[in-house]
Amino acid sequence: MKVLMINGSPHAQGNTSIALQEMEKIFIQEGIETEVLHVGNQDIRGCIACHSCMKNGKCVFNDSVNEAAEKFRQCDGLVVASPVYYASANATLIAFLDRLFYSTSFDKTMKVGASVVVARRGGLSATFDELNKYFTICGMPVASSQYWNSVHGRLPGEAAQDAEGLQTMRTLARNMSFLMKSIALGKEKYGLPEKEPQQPTNFIR
């Protein structure tokens, strides 16, 4: 099994990385392979709604989004981690996620998702909710922990002092591992849930 971890911080070795590393320790113990993609320091533009991906199967902008697409398709779980800016995720990460989720047409049903947020003080729950919406729109179960998936820290390395936050990360990784393994067993015995044909509607009709 494999978990793809997206680091949305501009700082490769910042507090967001500390949170992900704490999860990674548990995934290794659980026999789950991990891969970390650091996207927060890249030049990633937002979606322009050109719909080229519907014809070509990939985003028109050939950058790290297209590089991550196949990794996303193959993984069993996705962790998205971000620092908090103005009660929101890093804008670069949001641009990356908008294009990654929209441009990939493969079935994401029952891939397990988890969001992780890191801040000095406030805005954590708003960012946590923002990131979880990417999972729930496409049938991905959301892994939970003993608290909201958040860690506190401002200066580089301060997150390592947040004992409760790090415990929350370890619990999240254990719960996510259990959920992925349980879903794999369920797929073998029962398959995926039946899908009805989509019935898209607009509010004006």
Protein backbone atom coordinates (compact mmCIF):
# COMPACT_ATOMS: atom_id res chain seq x y z
CA MET A 1 0.00 0.00 0.00
CA LYS A 2 1.13 3.54 -0.62
CA VAL A 3 0.37 7.01 0.69
CA LEU A 4 1.16 10.12 -1.32
CA MET A 5 1.93 13.11 0.94
CA ILE A 6 1.71 16.65 -0.45
CA ASN A 7 3.70 19.32 1.38
CA GLY A 8 2.12 22.66 0.53
CA SER A 9 4.54 24.77 2.55
CA PRO A 10 7.10 27.00 0.82
CA HIS A 11 9.64 25.69 3.34
CA ALA A 12 10.83 22.15 2.68
CA GLN A 13 12.02 21.62 6.26
CA GLY A 14 9.51 23.81 8.11
CA ASN A 15 6.83 22.98 10.64
CA THR A 16 4.55 21.40 8.04
CA SER A 17 7.33 18.95 7.25
CA ILE A 18 7.64 18.05 10.94
CA ALA A 19 3.95 17.11 11.03
CA LEU A 20 4.30 14.92 7.93
CA GLN A 21 7.44 13.25 9.25
CA GLU A 22 5.58 12.26 12.41
CA MET A 23 2.94 10.56 10.27
CA GLU A 24 5.56 8.95 8.07
CA LYS A 25 7.12 7.15 11.06
CA ILE A 26 3.80 5.41 11.73
CA PHE A 27 3.19 4.54 8.08
CA ILE A 28 6.58 2.82 8.00
CA GLN A 29 5.67 0.84 11.12
CA GLU A 30 2.41 -0.17 9.42
CA GLY A 31 4.24 -1.41 6.33
CA ILE A 32 2.88 1.38 4.14
CA GLU A 33 5.10 3.04 1.55
CA THR A 34 5.17 6.84 1.48
CA GLU A 35 6.23 9.47 -1.00
CA VAL A 36 6.40 13.18 -0.22
CA LEU A 37 5.93 15.78 -2.94
CA HIS A 38 7.01 19.29 -2.00
CA VAL A 39 4.90 21.68 -4.08
CA GLY A 40 4.58 24.76 -1.88
CA ASN A 41 7.75 26.38 -3.23
CA GLN A 42 6.94 25.86 -6.91
CA ASP A 43 5.55 28.24 -9.51
CA ILE A 44 2.11 26.70 -10.02
CA ARG A 45 -0.60 28.71 -11.70
CA GLY A 46 -4.30 28.22 -11.18
CA CYS A 47 -6.87 26.53 -13.41
CA ILE A 48 -8.11 28.63 -16.36
CA ALA A 49 -11.18 26.46 -17.09
CA CYS A 50 -10.01 25.71 -20.63
CA HIS A 51 -11.26 22.09 -20.37
CA SER A 52 -8.28 20.80 -22.35
CA CYS A 53 -7.88 18.06 -19.74
CA MET A 54 -11.22 16.57 -20.79
CA LYS A 55 -9.83 16.00 -24.30
CA ASN A 56 -6.19 15.28 -23.57
CA GLY A 57 -6.41 13.50 -20.22
CA LYS A 58 -4.01 15.90 -18.55
CA CYS A 59 -3.70 19.55 -17.63
CA VAL A 60 -2.69 21.97 -20.36
CA PHE A 61 0.06 23.33 -18.10
CA ASN A 62 2.72 20.63 -18.06
CA ASP A 63 4.19 21.05 -14.59
CA SER A 64 4.18 19.20 -11.26
CA VAL A 65 0.41 18.69 -11.45
CA ASN A 66 0.78 16.30 -14.38
CA GLU A 67 3.80 14.71 -12.70
CA ALA A 68 1.70 14.02 -9.60
CA ALA A 69 -1.34 12.70 -11.48
CA GLU A 70 -0.06 9.16 -11.99
CA LYS A 71 1.24 8.99 -8.42
CA PHE A 72 -2.23 10.01 -7.24
CA ARG A 73 -3.87 7.34 -9.40
CA GLN A 74 -1.68 4.60 -7.97
CA CYS A 75 -1.80 5.56 -4.29
CA ASP A 76 -4.22 4.19 -1.68
CA GLY A 77 -4.23 7.34 0.40
CA LEU A 78 -3.51 11.04 0.00
CA VAL A 79 -2.29 13.39 2.75
CA VAL A 80 -2.43 17.11 1.97
CA ALA A 81 -0.60 19.41 4.38
CA SER A 82 -0.50 23.19 4.46
CA PRO A 83 0.56 26.10 6.60
CA VAL A 84 -2.23 28.55 7.38
CA TYR A 85 -2.26 31.96 5.71
CA TYR A 86 -5.18 34.30 6.48
CA ALA A 87 -7.30 31.36 7.72
CA SER A 88 -6.68 29.58 4.42
CA ALA A 89 -4.23 27.18 2.81
CA ASN A 90 -1.18 28.33 0.86
CA ALA A 91 -2.47 29.68 -2.48
CA THR A 92 0.11 27.66 -4.41
CA LEU A 93 -1.24 24.45 -2.86
CA ILE A 94 -4.83 25.38 -3.72
CA ALA A 95 -3.85 26.03 -7.34
CA PHE A 96 -2.12 22.63 -7.39
CA LEU A 97 -5.11 20.79 -5.88
CA ASP A 98 -7.70 22.51 -8.08
CA ARG A 99 -5.89 21.39 -11.21
CA LEU A 100 -4.91 17.94 -9.89
CA PHE A 101 -8.42 16.95 -8.90
CA TYR A 102 -10.12 18.51 -11.93
CA SER A 103 -7.73 17.24 -14.60
CA THR A 104 -7.59 13.61 -13.42
CA SER A 105 -10.50 11.52 -14.63
CA PHE A 106 -9.69 8.24 -12.84
CA ASP A 107 -12.04 6.98 -10.15
CA LYS A 108 -10.95 8.26 -6.75
CA THR A 109 -13.68 6.40 -4.86
CA MET A 110 -12.42 4.94 -1.57
CA LYS A 111 -8.94 6.39 -1.76
CA VAL A 112 -8.44 7.66 1.79
CA GLY A 113 -7.78 11.36 2.27
CA ALA A 114 -6.38 13.30 5.21
CA SER A 115 -5.62 16.99 5.58
CA VAL A 116 -3.02 18.42 7.95
CA VAL A 117 -2.78 22.09 8.88
CA VAL A 118 -0.06 24.01 10.72
CA ALA A 119 -0.25 27.52 12.17
CA ARG A 120 1.14 29.82 14.79
CA ARG A 121 -2.27 30.24 16.40
CA GLY A 122 -5.57 30.58 14.50
CA GLY A 123 -7.27 29.73 11.22
CA LEU A 124 -6.63 26.01 11.55
CA SER A 125 -10.19 24.72 11.47
CA ALA A 126 -11.13 26.89 8.46
CA THR A 127 -8.14 25.57 6.50
CA PHE A 128 -8.85 22.01 7.65
CA ASP A 129 -12.40 22.28 6.27
CA GLU A 130 -11.15 23.85 3.04
CA LEU A 131 -8.79 20.97 2.29
CA ASN A 132 -11.26 18.22 3.22
CA LYS A 133 -13.64 19.39 0.51
CA TYR A 134 -11.31 18.05 -2.17
CA PHE A 135 -11.80 14.55 -0.78
CA THR A 136 -15.53 14.62 -0.18
CA ILE A 137 -16.40 15.84 -3.69
CA CYS A 138 -15.04 12.65 -5.25
CA GLY A 139 -15.96 9.82 -2.89
CA MET A 140 -12.78 9.70 -0.81
CA PRO A 141 -13.30 8.75 2.87
CA VAL A 142 -11.70 11.27 5.22
CA ALA A 143 -9.43 9.89 7.93
CA SER A 144 -9.87 11.37 11.40
CA SER A 145 -7.71 11.54 14.51
CA GLN A 146 -8.22 12.28 18.19
CA TYR A 147 -8.56 16.01 17.44
CA TRP A 148 -8.65 18.19 14.34
CA ASN A 149 -5.54 17.40 12.30
CA SER A 150 -3.52 20.41 13.38
CA VAL A 151 -0.10 21.29 14.76
CA HIS A 152 1.06 24.60 16.19
CA GLY A 153 4.36 26.33 15.54
CA ARG A 154 5.64 29.64 14.18
CA LEU A 155 9.43 29.62 14.08
CA PRO A 156 11.18 26.79 12.20
CA GLY A 157 11.18 23.65 14.34
CA GLU A 158 8.65 24.87 16.90
CA ALA A 159 6.10 22.25 15.82
CA ALA A 160 8.34 19.62 17.43
CA GLN A 161 7.37 21.13 20.80
CA ASP A 162 3.62 20.60 20.26
CA ALA A 163 3.26 17.26 22.03
CA GLU A 164 -0.50 17.03 21.50
CA GLY A 165 -0.24 18.03 17.87
CA LEU A 166 2.38 15.38 17.16
CA GLN A 167 0.30 12.77 18.96
CA THR A 168 -2.63 13.81 16.77
CA MET A 169 -0.44 13.16 13.70
CA ARG A 170 0.53 9.70 14.93
CA THR A 171 -3.07 8.82 15.70
CA LEU A 172 -4.13 10.10 12.29
CA ALA A 173 -1.55 7.91 10.56
CA ARG A 174 -2.66 4.83 12.53
CA ASN A 175 -6.33 5.49 11.77
CA MET A 176 -5.58 6.14 8.12
CA SER A 177 -3.56 2.92 7.88
CA PHE A 178 -6.41 0.93 9.41
CA LEU A 179 -8.94 2.52 7.09
CA MET A 180 -6.89 1.84 3.95
CA LYS A 181 -6.31 -1.78 4.94
CA SER A 182 -9.98 -2.26 5.79
CA ILE A 183 -11.08 -0.77 2.47
CA ALA A 184 -8.65 -3.06 0.61
CA LEU A 185 -10.23 -6.09 2.30
CA GLY A 186 -13.70 -4.76 1.57
CA LYS A 187 -12.87 -4.30 -2.11
CA GLU A 188 -11.73 -7.92 -2.33
CA LYS A 189 -14.94 -9.24 -0.79
CA TYR A 190 -17.59 -6.76 -1.89
CA GLY A 191 -16.10 -4.54 -4.58
CA LEU A 192 -16.72 -0.81 -4.78
CA PRO A 193 -20.16 0.72 -4.13
CA GLU A 194 -22.50 0.84 -7.11
CA LYS A 195 -22.47 4.18 -8.93
CA GLU A 196 -25.55 5.78 -10.39
CA PRO A 197 -25.27 7.85 -13.57
CA GLN A 198 -24.51 11.42 -12.56
CA GLN A 199 -27.36 13.90 -12.81
CA PRO A 200 -25.75 17.33 -12.94
CA THR A 201 -28.15 20.23 -12.57
CA ASN A 202 -27.80 23.98 -12.49
CA PHE A 203 -29.63 26.11 -9.97
CA ILE A 204 -31.42 28.02 -12.73
CA ARG A 205 -33.30 24.97 -14.02
